[in-house]
Amino acid sequence: MIIDLISDTVTKPTPKMLEAMLNAKVGDDVFQMDPTVNELQEKAAKMFDMEAALFFPSGTMANQTAIKLHTNPGDLVIADKYAHIYNYESGGVAFNSGVTCKLIDGDRGMFTANQIEEIAAVTPQIYLPFTKMICVENTTNKGGGACWDFNELEKIKKIAEKNNLAFHLDGARLFNALVAKNETPKQYGKLFDTISICLSKGLGAPIGSILLGSKAHIDKALRIRKLLGGGMRQVGFLAAAGIYALDNHIDRLADDHKRAREIGKVLKNVSYVKKVENIETNIVIFYVDEKLGATTFIEQMKQKNILLTPMGEGKIRIVTHLDYTEVLHQILLKELKDFKINKSK
């Protein structure tokens, strides 16, 4: 029995999700003739009260498309130093759009309006990149599943409007934030110019993300998606999984959050852990004692069929998800409590 806590992307489709996929009506989506894809896009747009939506094979492609929508080569994007678009998208901001990032030293992946006010208001100069876009990530991946304060996002929106900057949300795990903070998709739809949401993380679909925005933005995004190689054919089989996920797997995210907090409670009370980051959603980030070391701990847990992942800087990450059941949870808690350093290593 393997307990895979590397990410919430490791889940398998549930039997009912597979049934929905098998029964999907499909067509050629490059010609916008796949009825199930069209249904998913309309459903997502209505959920966020935005004009339009577009289905993507990955969150990275959705984010990269949004950046290309809002910028020109040589422009600048404001983002946190932990931002996924900067750290985990293969340098795509430079490769795909020819832009650079101004990285803000925020708290767990979140900066404040005060931190960016002067940067956003810089008078254009021929020797400086033109600031064109602000990007935030909610929840923050490298920040340990932290949730932005909505009031702070509203302040940042005002700065964006004042300085004619696009405001994009990398909402890969936005539904985790909505459940944790008791917020609604429509709140976010009113705030951002574009939003990417992922269906294959906490929601348990096998693949897929959605980009939301105005009709003009999504019409342009359709062309960019094709340019990036994202044109898909009878992809309604996968869109059906996304519809099922949106209908059935949002509220249950609270279970993942509860188990993450219980894991954190155990980690705070064992001698080999020196620090546990604040836990708000389904991501647990912690640091083990230097004498043990992250690499050694991960390897020794792997020998017990428990898979964890390093995040750099000595961080170890645990991510709870749909396939991490209560039975597996109790096994993990016991292993963490009983863990002893293997001195032969």
C-alpha atoms as a PDB file:
ATOM      1  CA  MET A   1       0.000   0.000   0.000  1.00  0.00           C
ATOM      2  CA  ILE A   2       1.526   3.305  -1.116  1.00  0.00           C
ATOM      3  CA  ILE A   3       0.544   6.567   0.580  1.00  0.00           C
ATOM      4  CA  ASP A   4       1.262   9.171  -2.091  1.00  0.00           C
ATOM      5  CA  LEU A   5       1.320  12.683  -0.651  1.00  0.00           C
ATOM      6  CA  ILE A   6       3.599  14.243  -3.260  1.00  0.00           C
ATOM      7  CA  SER A   7       0.746  16.344  -4.654  1.00  0.00           C
ATOM      8  CA  ASP A   8      -3.016  16.498  -5.097  1.00  0.00           C
ATOM      9  CA  THR A   9      -2.373  15.795  -8.788  1.00  0.00           C
ATOM     10  CA  VAL A  10      -1.821  12.075  -8.120  1.00  0.00           C
ATOM     11  CA  THR A  11      -5.510  11.210  -7.828  1.00  0.00           C
ATOM     12  CA  LYS A  12      -7.330   8.760 -10.098  1.00  0.00           C
ATOM     13  CA  PRO A  13     -10.829   9.396 -11.498  1.00  0.00           C
ATOM     14  CA  THR A  14     -13.571   8.005  -9.284  1.00  0.00           C
ATOM     15  CA  PRO A  15     -15.902   5.333 -10.717  1.00  0.00           C
ATOM     16  CA  LYS A  16     -18.692   7.890 -11.183  1.00  0.00           C
ATOM     17  CA  MET A  17     -16.305  10.324 -12.854  1.00  0.00           C
ATOM     18  CA  LEU A  18     -15.214   7.551 -15.231  1.00  0.00           C
ATOM     19  CA  GLU A  19     -18.857   6.818 -15.987  1.00  0.00           C
ATOM     20  CA  ALA A  20     -19.438  10.484 -16.841  1.00  0.00           C
ATOM     21  CA  MET A  21     -16.384  10.437 -19.106  1.00  0.00           C
ATOM     22  CA  LEU A  22     -17.503   7.300 -20.938  1.00  0.00           C
ATOM     23  CA  ASN A  23     -20.958   8.757 -21.570  1.00  0.00           C
ATOM     24  CA  ALA A  24     -19.728  12.148 -22.812  1.00  0.00           C
ATOM     25  CA  LYS A  25     -20.930  13.520 -26.123  1.00  0.00           C
ATOM     26  CA  VAL A  26     -17.941  14.705 -28.119  1.00  0.00           C
ATOM     27  CA  GLY A  27     -16.954  16.604 -31.249  1.00  0.00           C
ATOM     28  CA  ASP A  28     -13.922  18.406 -32.660  1.00  0.00           C
ATOM     29  CA  ASP A  29     -13.010  21.116 -30.182  1.00  0.00           C
ATOM     30  CA  VAL A  30     -10.576  22.862 -32.554  1.00  0.00           C
ATOM     31  CA  PHE A  31     -13.719  23.799 -34.473  1.00  0.00           C
ATOM     32  CA  GLN A  32     -15.486  24.517 -31.140  1.00  0.00           C
ATOM     33  CA  MET A  33     -17.856  21.641 -31.916  1.00  0.00           C
ATOM     34  CA  ASP A  34     -17.392  19.531 -28.781  1.00  0.00           C
ATOM     35  CA  PRO A  35     -20.669  19.897 -26.845  1.00  0.00           C
ATOM     36  CA  THR A  36     -19.216  18.724 -23.524  1.00  0.00           C
ATOM     37  CA  VAL A  37     -16.302  21.149 -23.697  1.00  0.00           C
ATOM     38  CA  ASN A  38     -18.721  23.940 -24.531  1.00  0.00           C
ATOM     39  CA  GLU A  39     -20.866  22.927 -21.561  1.00  0.00           C
ATOM     40  CA  LEU A  40     -17.866  22.976 -19.206  1.00  0.00           C
ATOM     41  CA  GLN A  41     -16.759  26.387 -20.424  1.00  0.00           C
ATOM     42  CA  GLU A  42     -20.248  27.852 -20.077  1.00  0.00           C
ATOM     43  CA  LYS A  43     -20.612  26.314 -16.632  1.00  0.00           C
ATOM     44  CA  ALA A  44     -17.332  27.781 -15.393  1.00  0.00           C
ATOM     45  CA  ALA A  45     -18.042  31.225 -16.829  1.00  0.00           C
ATOM     46  CA  LYS A  46     -21.461  31.267 -15.153  1.00  0.00           C
ATOM     47  CA  MET A  47     -19.985  30.077 -11.866  1.00  0.00           C
ATOM     48  CA  PHE A  48     -17.579  33.034 -11.781  1.00  0.00           C
ATOM     49  CA  ASP A  49     -20.022  35.452 -13.448  1.00  0.00           C
ATOM     50  CA  MET A  50     -17.471  36.140 -16.187  1.00  0.00           C
ATOM     51  CA  GLU A  51     -18.179  36.454 -19.898  1.00  0.00           C
ATOM     52  CA  ALA A  52     -16.315  33.445 -21.236  1.00  0.00           C
ATOM     53  CA  ALA A  53     -14.005  30.534 -20.474  1.00  0.00           C
ATOM     54  CA  LEU A  54     -11.613  28.263 -22.345  1.00  0.00           C
ATOM     55  CA  PHE A  55     -10.533  24.688 -21.538  1.00  0.00           C
ATOM     56  CA  PHE A  56      -6.777  24.028 -21.457  1.00  0.00           C
ATOM     57  CA  PRO A  57      -4.748  20.826 -21.078  1.00  0.00           C
ATOM     58  CA  SER A  58      -2.699  22.356 -18.246  1.00  0.00           C
ATOM     59  CA  GLY A  59      -2.617  25.176 -15.750  1.00  0.00           C
ATOM     60  CA  THR A  60       0.784  26.250 -17.004  1.00  0.00           C
ATOM     61  CA  MET A  61      -0.588  26.745 -20.517  1.00  0.00           C
ATOM     62  CA  ALA A  62      -3.567  28.688 -19.133  1.00  0.00           C
ATOM     63  CA  ASN A  63      -1.285  30.987 -17.106  1.00  0.00           C
ATOM     64  CA  GLN A  64       1.142  31.464 -19.978  1.00  0.00           C
ATOM     65  CA  THR A  65      -1.734  32.339 -22.274  1.00  0.00           C
ATOM     66  CA  ALA A  66      -2.990  34.932 -19.788  1.00  0.00           C
ATOM     67  CA  ILE A  67       0.451  36.529 -19.587  1.00  0.00           C
ATOM     68  CA  LYS A  68       0.667  36.686 -23.375  1.00  0.00           C
ATOM     69  CA  LEU A  69      -2.833  38.199 -23.503  1.00  0.00           C
ATOM     70  CA  HIS A  70      -1.911  41.094 -21.254  1.00  0.00           C
ATOM     71  CA  THR A  71       1.687  41.915 -22.240  1.00  0.00           C
ATOM     72  CA  ASN A  72       4.093  42.607 -25.060  1.00  0.00           C
ATOM     73  CA  PRO A  73       7.764  41.551 -25.264  1.00  0.00           C
ATOM     74  CA  GLY A  74       9.887  43.726 -22.987  1.00  0.00           C
ATOM     75  CA  ASP A  75       7.090  44.329 -20.478  1.00  0.00           C
ATOM     76  CA  LEU A  76       7.153  43.584 -16.749  1.00  0.00           C
ATOM     77  CA  VAL A  77       4.882  41.426 -14.586  1.00  0.00           C
ATOM     78  CA  ILE A  78       4.633  41.956 -10.816  1.00  0.00           C
ATOM     79  CA  ALA A  79       4.561  38.675  -8.869  1.00  0.00           C
ATOM     80  CA  ASP A  80       5.645  37.238  -5.559  1.00  0.00           C
ATOM     81  CA  LYS A  81       9.064  35.557  -5.307  1.00  0.00           C
ATOM     82  CA  TYR A  82       7.241  32.241  -4.659  1.00  0.00           C
ATOM     83  CA  ALA A  83       4.952  32.626  -7.693  1.00  0.00           C
ATOM     84  CA  HIS A  84       4.264  29.498  -9.719  1.00  0.00           C
ATOM     85  CA  ILE A  85       4.509  31.448 -12.996  1.00  0.00           C
ATOM     86  CA  TYR A  86       8.117  32.294 -12.112  1.00  0.00           C
ATOM     87  CA  ASN A  87       9.340  29.194 -10.264  1.00  0.00           C
ATOM     88  CA  TYR A  88       7.560  26.258 -11.863  1.00  0.00           C
ATOM     89  CA  GLU A  89       6.615  27.113 -15.453  1.00  0.00           C
ATOM     90  CA  SER A  90       9.983  26.451 -17.106  1.00  0.00           C
ATOM     91  CA  GLY A  91      10.835  30.097 -17.701  1.00  0.00           C
ATOM     92  CA  GLY A  92       7.753  30.451 -19.854  1.00  0.00           C
ATOM     93  CA  VAL A  93       7.240  34.136 -19.035  1.00  0.00           C
ATOM     94  CA  ALA A  94      10.492  34.860 -20.871  1.00  0.00           C
ATOM     95  CA  PHE A  95      10.253  32.163 -23.548  1.00  0.00           C
ATOM     96  CA  ASN A  96       6.604  32.582 -24.518  1.00  0.00           C
ATOM     97  CA  SER A  97       5.982  36.278 -23.898  1.00  0.00           C
ATOM     98  CA  GLY A  98       9.418  37.901 -23.699  1.00  0.00           C
ATOM     99  CA  VAL A  99       8.590  39.561 -20.392  1.00  0.00           C
ATOM    100  CA  THR A 100      10.387  39.816 -17.087  1.00  0.00           C
ATOM    101  CA  CYS A 101       9.116  39.515 -13.521  1.00  0.00           C
ATOM    102  CA  LYS A 102       9.491  41.980 -10.683  1.00  0.00           C
ATOM    103  CA  LEU A 103       9.551  39.642  -7.689  1.00  0.00           C
ATOM    104  CA  ILE A 104       8.109  40.871  -4.416  1.00  0.00           C
ATOM    105  CA  ASP A 105       9.388  39.592  -1.070  1.00  0.00           C
ATOM    106  CA  GLY A 106       5.999  38.666   0.351  1.00  0.00           C
ATOM    107  CA  ASP A 107       4.843  36.464   3.205  1.00  0.00           C
ATOM    108  CA  ARG A 108       4.289  32.818   2.178  1.00  0.00           C
ATOM    109  CA  GLY A 109       3.718  33.851  -1.428  1.00  0.00           C
ATOM    110  CA  MET A 110       1.505  36.858  -0.688  1.00  0.00           C
ATOM    111  CA  PHE A 111       2.471  40.528  -0.962  1.00  0.00           C
ATOM    112  CA  THR A 112       0.571  43.638   0.101  1.00  0.00           C
ATOM    113  CA  ALA A 113      -0.800  46.575  -1.816  1.00  0.00           C
ATOM    114  CA  ASN A 114       1.722  48.816  -0.073  1.00  0.00           C
ATOM    115  CA  GLN A 115       4.609  46.682  -1.351  1.00  0.00           C
ATOM    116  CA  ILE A 116       3.681  47.187  -4.999  1.00  0.00           C
ATOM    117  CA  GLU A 117       2.188  50.672  -5.030  1.00  0.00           C
ATOM    118  CA  GLU A 118       5.398  52.465  -6.030  1.00  0.00           C
ATOM    119  CA  ILE A 119       6.415  49.759  -8.514  1.00  0.00           C
ATOM    120  CA  ALA A 120       3.035  49.867 -10.225  1.00  0.00           C
ATOM    121  CA  ALA A 121       3.113  53.642 -10.504  1.00  0.00           C
ATOM    122  CA  VAL A 122       6.572  53.999 -12.100  1.00  0.00           C
ATOM    123  CA  THR A 123       6.487  56.529 -14.940  1.00  0.00           C
ATOM    124  CA  PRO A 124       7.347  54.761 -18.210  1.00  0.00           C
ATOM    125  CA  GLN A 125      10.947  55.363 -19.266  1.00  0.00           C
ATOM    126  CA  ILE A 126      12.624  54.125 -22.443  1.00  0.00           C
ATOM    127  CA  TYR A 127      15.290  52.330 -20.384  1.00  0.00           C
ATOM    128  CA  LEU A 128      12.824  50.504 -18.122  1.00  0.00           C
ATOM    129  CA  PRO A 129      10.439  47.620 -18.841  1.00  0.00           C
ATOM    130  CA  PHE A 130       6.839  48.818 -18.892  1.00  0.00           C
ATOM    131  CA  THR A 131       4.802  47.377 -16.020  1.00  0.00           C
ATOM    132  CA  LYS A 132       1.674  45.837 -17.533  1.00  0.00           C
ATOM    133  CA  MET A 133       0.369  43.116 -15.219  1.00  0.00           C
ATOM    134  CA  ILE A 134      -0.025  42.005 -11.613  1.00  0.00           C
ATOM    135  CA  CYS A 135      -0.277  38.264 -10.943  1.00  0.00           C
ATOM    136  CA  VAL A 136      -1.286  36.642  -7.667  1.00  0.00           C
ATOM    137  CA  GLU A 137      -1.572  32.963  -6.777  1.00  0.00           C
ATOM    138  CA  ASN A 138      -4.332  31.651  -4.498  1.00  0.00           C
ATOM    139  CA  THR A 139      -3.715  29.385  -2.708  1.00  0.00           C
ATOM    140  CA  THR A 140       0.054  29.729  -2.742  1.00  0.00           C
ATOM    141  CA  ASN A 141       1.846  26.509  -3.623  1.00  0.00           C
ATOM    142  CA  LYS A 142       5.345  27.238  -2.358  1.00  0.00           C
ATOM    143  CA  GLY A 143       3.788  29.264   0.456  1.00  0.00           C
ATOM    144  CA  GLY A 144       2.125  26.144   1.870  1.00  0.00           C
ATOM    145  CA  GLY A 145      -1.459  26.511   0.696  1.00  0.00           C
ATOM    146  CA  ALA A 146      -1.850  29.969   2.206  1.00  0.00           C
ATOM    147  CA  CYS A 147      -4.975  31.983   1.351  1.00  0.00           C
ATOM    148  CA  TRP A 148      -4.939  35.631   0.385  1.00  0.00           C
ATOM    149  CA  ASP A 149      -6.955  38.128   2.405  1.00  0.00           C
ATOM    150  CA  PHE A 150      -9.729  39.262   0.077  1.00  0.00           C
ATOM    151  CA  ASN A 151      -9.611  42.827   1.361  1.00  0.00           C
ATOM    152  CA  GLU A 152      -5.942  42.991   0.373  1.00  0.00           C
ATOM    153  CA  LEU A 153      -6.805  41.729  -3.097  1.00  0.00           C
ATOM    154  CA  GLU A 154      -9.377  44.512  -3.404  1.00  0.00           C
ATOM    155  CA  LYS A 155      -6.683  47.068  -2.519  1.00  0.00           C
ATOM    156  CA  ILE A 156      -4.369  45.606  -5.154  1.00  0.00           C
ATOM    157  CA  LYS A 157      -7.210  45.765  -7.686  1.00  0.00           C
ATOM    158  CA  LYS A 158      -7.512  49.506  -7.084  1.00  0.00           C
ATOM    159  CA  ILE A 159      -3.796  49.921  -7.753  1.00  0.00           C
ATOM    160  CA  ALA A 160      -4.156  47.915 -10.951  1.00  0.00           C
ATOM    161  CA  GLU A 161      -7.066  50.041 -12.141  1.00  0.00           C
ATOM    162  CA  LYS A 162      -5.328  53.302 -11.238  1.00  0.00           C
ATOM    163  CA  ASN A 163      -2.261  52.346 -13.250  1.00  0.00           C
ATOM    164  CA  ASN A 164      -4.039  50.564 -16.119  1.00  0.00           C
ATOM    165  CA  LEU A 165      -2.514  47.181 -15.248  1.00  0.00           C
ATOM    166  CA  ALA A 166      -4.029  43.783 -15.971  1.00  0.00           C
ATOM    167  CA  PHE A 167      -4.867  41.714 -12.873  1.00  0.00           C
ATOM    168  CA  HIS A 168      -4.492  37.933 -13.250  1.00  0.00           C
ATOM    169  CA  LEU A 169      -5.218  35.209 -10.721  1.00  0.00           C
ATOM    170  CA  ASP A 170      -3.340  31.933 -10.856  1.00  0.00           C
ATOM    171  CA  GLY A 171      -6.141  30.055  -9.133  1.00  0.00           C
ATOM    172  CA  ALA A 172      -4.747  26.545  -9.474  1.00  0.00           C
ATOM    173  CA  ARG A 173      -6.067  25.763  -5.997  1.00  0.00           C
ATOM    174  CA  LEU A 174      -8.603  28.576  -5.758  1.00  0.00           C
ATOM    175  CA  PHE A 175     -11.409  26.232  -4.687  1.00  0.00           C
ATOM    176  CA  ASN A 176      -9.364  25.259  -1.639  1.00  0.00           C
ATOM    177  CA  ALA A 177      -9.252  28.940  -0.710  1.00  0.00           C
ATOM    178  CA  LEU A 178     -12.976  29.400  -1.363  1.00  0.00           C
ATOM    179  CA  VAL A 179     -13.849  26.501   0.927  1.00  0.00           C
ATOM    180  CA  ALA A 180     -11.382  27.527   3.637  1.00  0.00           C
ATOM    181  CA  LYS A 181     -12.419  31.196   3.647  1.00  0.00           C
ATOM    182  CA  ASN A 182     -16.133  30.692   2.880  1.00  0.00           C
ATOM    183  CA  GLU A 183     -15.849  32.851  -0.234  1.00  0.00           C
ATOM    184  CA  THR A 184     -17.569  32.564  -3.619  1.00  0.00           C
ATOM    185  CA  PRO A 185     -16.342  32.290  -7.226  1.00  0.00           C
ATOM    186  CA  LYS A 186     -18.347  35.386  -8.161  1.00  0.00           C
ATOM    187  CA  GLN A 187     -16.356  37.504  -5.695  1.00  0.00           C
ATOM    188  CA  TYR A 188     -13.219  36.650  -7.622  1.00  0.00           C
ATOM    189  CA  GLY A 189     -14.873  36.989 -11.013  1.00  0.00           C
ATOM    190  CA  LYS A 190     -15.648  40.631 -10.256  1.00  0.00           C
ATOM    191  CA  LEU A 191     -12.066  41.354  -9.164  1.00  0.00           C
ATOM    192  CA  PHE A 192      -9.800  39.868 -11.828  1.00  0.00           C
ATOM    193  CA  ASP A 193      -9.365  40.405 -15.548  1.00  0.00           C
ATOM    194  CA  THR A 194      -8.429  36.755 -16.034  1.00  0.00           C
ATOM    195  CA  ILE A 195      -8.481  33.701 -13.773  1.00  0.00           C
ATOM    196  CA  SER A 196      -7.006  30.258 -14.292  1.00  0.00           C
ATOM    197  CA  ILE A 197      -8.463  27.374 -12.303  1.00  0.00           C
ATOM    198  CA  CYS A 198      -7.182  23.806 -12.210  1.00  0.00           C
ATOM    199  CA  LEU A 199      -9.448  20.774 -12.352  1.00  0.00           C
ATOM    200  CA  SER A 200      -6.729  18.164 -11.830  1.00  0.00           C
ATOM    201  CA  LYS A 201      -5.512  19.149  -8.382  1.00  0.00           C
ATOM    202  CA  GLY A 202      -7.894  19.094  -5.409  1.00  0.00           C
ATOM    203  CA  LEU A 203     -10.927  18.539  -7.624  1.00  0.00           C
ATOM    204  CA  GLY A 204      -9.624  15.174  -8.820  1.00  0.00           C
ATOM    205  CA  ALA A 205     -10.033  15.382 -12.600  1.00  0.00           C
ATOM    206  CA  PRO A 206      -7.343  13.551 -14.601  1.00  0.00           C
ATOM    207  CA  ILE A 207      -6.351  16.631 -16.609  1.00  0.00           C
ATOM    208  CA  GLY A 208      -7.374  20.156 -17.435  1.00  0.00           C
ATOM    209  CA  SER A 209      -7.545  23.801 -16.443  1.00  0.00           C
ATOM    210  CA  ILE A 210      -9.838  26.656 -17.396  1.00  0.00           C
ATOM    211  CA  LEU A 211      -9.025  30.266 -18.226  1.00  0.00           C
ATOM    212  CA  LEU A 212     -11.793  32.778 -17.537  1.00  0.00           C
ATOM    213  CA  GLY A 213     -12.091  36.346 -18.751  1.00  0.00           C
ATOM    214  CA  SER A 214     -13.942  38.724 -21.036  1.00  0.00           C
ATOM    215  CA  LYS A 215     -15.198  37.474 -24.397  1.00  0.00           C
ATOM    216  CA  ALA A 216     -12.511  39.550 -26.109  1.00  0.00           C
ATOM    217  CA  HIS A 217      -9.786  38.006 -23.964  1.00  0.00           C
ATOM    218  CA  ILE A 218     -11.016  34.460 -24.503  1.00  0.00           C
ATOM    219  CA  ASP A 219     -11.357  34.969 -28.260  1.00  0.00           C
ATOM    220  CA  LYS A 220      -7.707  36.009 -28.292  1.00  0.00           C
ATOM    221  CA  ALA A 221      -6.783  33.169 -25.908  1.00  0.00           C
ATOM    222  CA  LEU A 222      -8.233  30.655 -28.380  1.00  0.00           C
ATOM    223  CA  ARG A 223      -5.643  31.746 -30.930  1.00  0.00           C
ATOM    224  CA  ILE A 224      -2.796  31.709 -28.365  1.00  0.00           C
ATOM    225  CA  ARG A 225      -3.777  28.238 -27.136  1.00  0.00           C
ATOM    226  CA  LYS A 226      -3.536  26.978 -30.722  1.00  0.00           C
ATOM    227  CA  LEU A 227      -0.182  28.729 -31.134  1.00  0.00           C
ATOM    228  CA  LEU A 228       1.133  26.952 -28.023  1.00  0.00           C
ATOM    229  CA  GLY A 229      -0.036  23.573 -29.324  1.00  0.00           C
ATOM    230  CA  GLY A 230      -3.106  23.335 -27.128  1.00  0.00           C
ATOM    231  CA  GLY A 231      -5.701  22.658 -29.810  1.00  0.00           C
ATOM    232  CA  MET A 232      -7.603  19.480 -28.888  1.00  0.00           C
ATOM    233  CA  ARG A 233     -10.051  17.261 -30.730  1.00  0.00           C
ATOM    234  CA  GLN A 234     -12.619  14.991 -29.006  1.00  0.00           C
ATOM    235  CA  VAL A 235     -11.594  16.280 -25.613  1.00  0.00           C
ATOM    236  CA  GLY A 236     -15.122  16.204 -24.236  1.00  0.00           C
ATOM    237  CA  PHE A 237     -14.212  12.916 -22.556  1.00  0.00           C
ATOM    238  CA  LEU A 238     -11.894  14.950 -20.332  1.00  0.00           C
ATOM    239  CA  ALA A 239     -14.219  17.925 -20.053  1.00  0.00           C
ATOM    240  CA  ALA A 240     -16.861  15.568 -18.652  1.00  0.00           C
ATOM    241  CA  ALA A 241     -14.486  14.800 -15.783  1.00  0.00           C
ATOM    242  CA  GLY A 242     -14.173  18.527 -15.155  1.00  0.00           C
ATOM    243  CA  ILE A 243     -17.933  18.989 -15.048  1.00  0.00           C
ATOM    244  CA  TYR A 244     -18.262  16.088 -12.630  1.00  0.00           C
ATOM    245  CA  ALA A 245     -15.502  17.550 -10.453  1.00  0.00           C
ATOM    246  CA  LEU A 246     -17.159  20.977 -10.265  1.00  0.00           C
ATOM    247  CA  ASP A 247     -20.495  19.361  -9.393  1.00  0.00           C
ATOM    248  CA  ASN A 248     -19.233  16.881  -6.794  1.00  0.00           C
ATOM    249  CA  HIS A 249     -15.732  17.562  -5.484  1.00  0.00           C
ATOM    250  CA  ILE A 250     -15.691  21.125  -4.166  1.00  0.00           C
ATOM    251  CA  ASP A 251     -17.309  20.819  -0.741  1.00  0.00           C
ATOM    252  CA  ARG A 252     -15.288  17.705   0.117  1.00  0.00           C
ATOM    253  CA  LEU A 253     -12.084  19.789   0.028  1.00  0.00           C
ATOM    254  CA  ALA A 254     -12.872  20.550   3.667  1.00  0.00           C
ATOM    255  CA  ASP A 255     -11.943  16.920   4.452  1.00  0.00           C
ATOM    256  CA  ASP A 256      -8.489  17.442   2.942  1.00  0.00           C
ATOM    257  CA  HIS A 257      -8.030  20.589   4.998  1.00  0.00           C
ATOM    258  CA  LYS A 258      -9.034  18.818   8.208  1.00  0.00           C
ATOM    259  CA  ARG A 259      -6.570  15.980   7.623  1.00  0.00           C
ATOM    260  CA  ALA A 260      -3.796  18.452   6.816  1.00  0.00           C
ATOM    261  CA  ARG A 261      -4.370  20.204  10.137  1.00  0.00           C
ATOM    262  CA  GLU A 262      -4.283  16.875  11.967  1.00  0.00           C
ATOM    263  CA  ILE A 263      -0.984  16.005  10.296  1.00  0.00           C
ATOM    264  CA  GLY A 264       0.383  19.383  11.340  1.00  0.00           C
ATOM    265  CA  LYS A 265      -0.673  18.802  14.932  1.00  0.00           C
ATOM    266  CA  VAL A 266       1.295  15.546  15.030  1.00  0.00           C
ATOM    267  CA  LEU A 267       4.358  17.121  13.396  1.00  0.00           C
ATOM    268  CA  LYS A 268       4.401  19.914  15.966  1.00  0.00           C
ATOM    269  CA  ASN A 269       4.700  17.338  18.741  1.00  0.00           C
ATOM    270  CA  VAL A 270       7.523  15.109  17.481  1.00  0.00           C
ATOM    271  CA  SER A 271      11.137  15.727  18.370  1.00  0.00           C
ATOM    272  CA  TYR A 272      12.605  15.488  14.869  1.00  0.00           C
ATOM    273  CA  VAL A 273      10.550  18.374  13.428  1.00  0.00           C
ATOM    274  CA  LYS A 274      11.768  21.884  14.162  1.00  0.00           C
ATOM    275  CA  LYS A 275       9.081  23.945  12.404  1.00  0.00           C
ATOM    276  CA  VAL A 276       5.665  23.567  10.779  1.00  0.00           C
ATOM    277  CA  GLU A 277       4.283  26.348   8.605  1.00  0.00           C
ATOM    278  CA  ASN A 278       0.780  27.648   9.286  1.00  0.00           C
ATOM    279  CA  ILE A 279      -1.793  25.303   7.711  1.00  0.00           C
ATOM    280  CA  GLU A 280      -4.891  26.770   6.058  1.00  0.00           C
ATOM    281  CA  THR A 281      -5.791  24.303   3.336  1.00  0.00           C
ATOM    282  CA  ASN A 282      -4.457  20.949   2.079  1.00  0.00           C
ATOM    283  CA  ILE A 283      -0.708  21.654   2.027  1.00  0.00           C
ATOM    284  CA  VAL A 284       1.595  20.982   4.964  1.00  0.00           C
ATOM    285  CA  ILE A 285       5.128  22.374   4.836  1.00  0.00           C
ATOM    286  CA  PHE A 286       7.576  21.513   7.578  1.00  0.00           C
ATOM    287  CA  TYR A 287      11.284  21.373   8.403  1.00  0.00           C
ATOM    288  CA  VAL A 288      13.047  18.476  10.120  1.00  0.00           C
ATOM    289  CA  ASP A 289      16.059  18.745  12.391  1.00  0.00           C
ATOM    290  CA  GLU A 290      19.323  19.419  10.534  1.00  0.00           C
ATOM    291  CA  LYS A 291      20.863  16.261  12.015  1.00  0.00           C
ATOM    292  CA  LEU A 292      18.204  14.256  10.210  1.00  0.00           C
ATOM    293  CA  GLY A 293      17.892  16.338   7.040  1.00  0.00           C
ATOM    294  CA  ALA A 294      15.057  16.574   4.545  1.00  0.00           C
ATOM    295  CA  THR A 295      16.584  14.164   2.032  1.00  0.00           C
ATOM    296  CA  THR A 296      17.141  11.446   4.643  1.00  0.00           C
ATOM    297  CA  PHE A 297      13.661  11.833   6.108  1.00  0.00           C
ATOM    298  CA  ILE A 298      12.004  11.645   2.693  1.00  0.00           C
ATOM    299  CA  GLU A 299      14.026   8.536   1.811  1.00  0.00           C
ATOM    300  CA  GLN A 300      13.235   6.775   5.086  1.00  0.00           C
ATOM    301  CA  MET A 301       9.536   7.521   4.675  1.00  0.00           C
ATOM    302  CA  LYS A 302       9.721   6.196   1.117  1.00  0.00           C
ATOM    303  CA  GLN A 303      10.972   2.900   2.532  1.00  0.00           C
ATOM    304  CA  LYS A 304       7.680   2.785   4.441  1.00  0.00           C
ATOM    305  CA  ASN A 305       5.777   3.394   1.152  1.00  0.00           C
ATOM    306  CA  ILE A 306       5.009   6.998   2.129  1.00  0.00           C
ATOM    307  CA  LEU A 307       5.869   9.456  -0.634  1.00  0.00           C
ATOM    308  CA  LEU A 308       6.684  13.086   0.188  1.00  0.00           C
ATOM    309  CA  THR A 309       8.360  15.813  -1.839  1.00  0.00           C
ATOM    310  CA  PRO A 310      11.124  18.369  -1.149  1.00  0.00           C
ATOM    311  CA  MET A 311      10.393  22.028  -1.869  1.00  0.00           C
ATOM    312  CA  GLY A 312      13.939  23.392  -1.543  1.00  0.00           C
ATOM    313  CA  GLU A 313      15.338  25.478   1.317  1.00  0.00           C
ATOM    314  CA  GLY A 314      14.958  22.447   3.592  1.00  0.00           C
ATOM    315  CA  LYS A 315      11.183  22.369   3.143  1.00  0.00           C
ATOM    316  CA  ILE A 316       9.229  19.118   2.977  1.00  0.00           C
ATOM    317  CA  ARG A 317       5.700  19.123   1.578  1.00  0.00           C
ATOM    318  CA  ILE A 318       2.694  16.929   2.288  1.00  0.00           C
ATOM    319  CA  VAL A 319      -0.444  17.417   0.179  1.00  0.00           C
ATOM    320  CA  THR A 320      -3.746  15.781   1.142  1.00  0.00           C
ATOM    321  CA  HIS A 321      -6.226  14.899  -1.591  1.00  0.00           C
ATOM    322  CA  LEU A 322      -9.233  12.922  -2.808  1.00  0.00           C
ATOM    323  CA  ASP A 323      -7.448   9.539  -2.775  1.00  0.00           C
ATOM    324  CA  TYR A 324      -5.925  10.049   0.669  1.00  0.00           C
ATOM    325  CA  THR A 325      -8.527   8.212   2.702  1.00  0.00           C
ATOM    326  CA  GLU A 326      -9.136   8.122   6.438  1.00  0.00           C
ATOM    327  CA  VAL A 327      -7.559   4.658   6.583  1.00  0.00           C
ATOM    328  CA  LEU A 328      -4.371   5.947   4.955  1.00  0.00           C
ATOM    329  CA  HIS A 329      -4.513   9.022   7.178  1.00  0.00           C
ATOM    330  CA  GLN A 330      -4.438   6.980  10.369  1.00  0.00           C
ATOM    331  CA  ILE A 331      -1.510   4.919   9.062  1.00  0.00           C
ATOM    332  CA  LEU A 332       0.439   8.091   8.274  1.00  0.00           C
ATOM    333  CA  LEU A 333      -0.247   9.647  11.672  1.00  0.00           C
ATOM    334  CA  LYS A 334       1.032   6.515  13.400  1.00  0.00           C
ATOM    335  CA  GLU A 335       4.163   6.395  11.247  1.00  0.00           C
ATOM    336  CA  LEU A 336       4.921  10.039  11.985  1.00  0.00           C
ATOM    337  CA  LYS A 337       4.463   9.516  15.716  1.00  0.00           C
ATOM    338  CA  ASP A 338       6.594   6.354  15.746  1.00  0.00           C
ATOM    339  CA  PHE A 339       9.323   7.604  13.400  1.00  0.00           C
ATOM    340  CA  LYS A 340      12.863   6.914  14.522  1.00  0.00           C
ATOM    341  CA  ILE A 341      15.995   8.052  12.777  1.00  0.00           C
ATOM    342  CA  ASN A 342      17.673   5.179  10.937  1.00  0.00           C
ATOM    343  CA  LYS A 343      21.205   5.642  12.201  1.00  0.00           C
ATOM    344  CA  SER A 344      22.619   3.330   9.548  1.00  0.00           C
ATOM    345  CA  LYS A 345      21.786   5.912   6.912  1.00  0.00           C
END
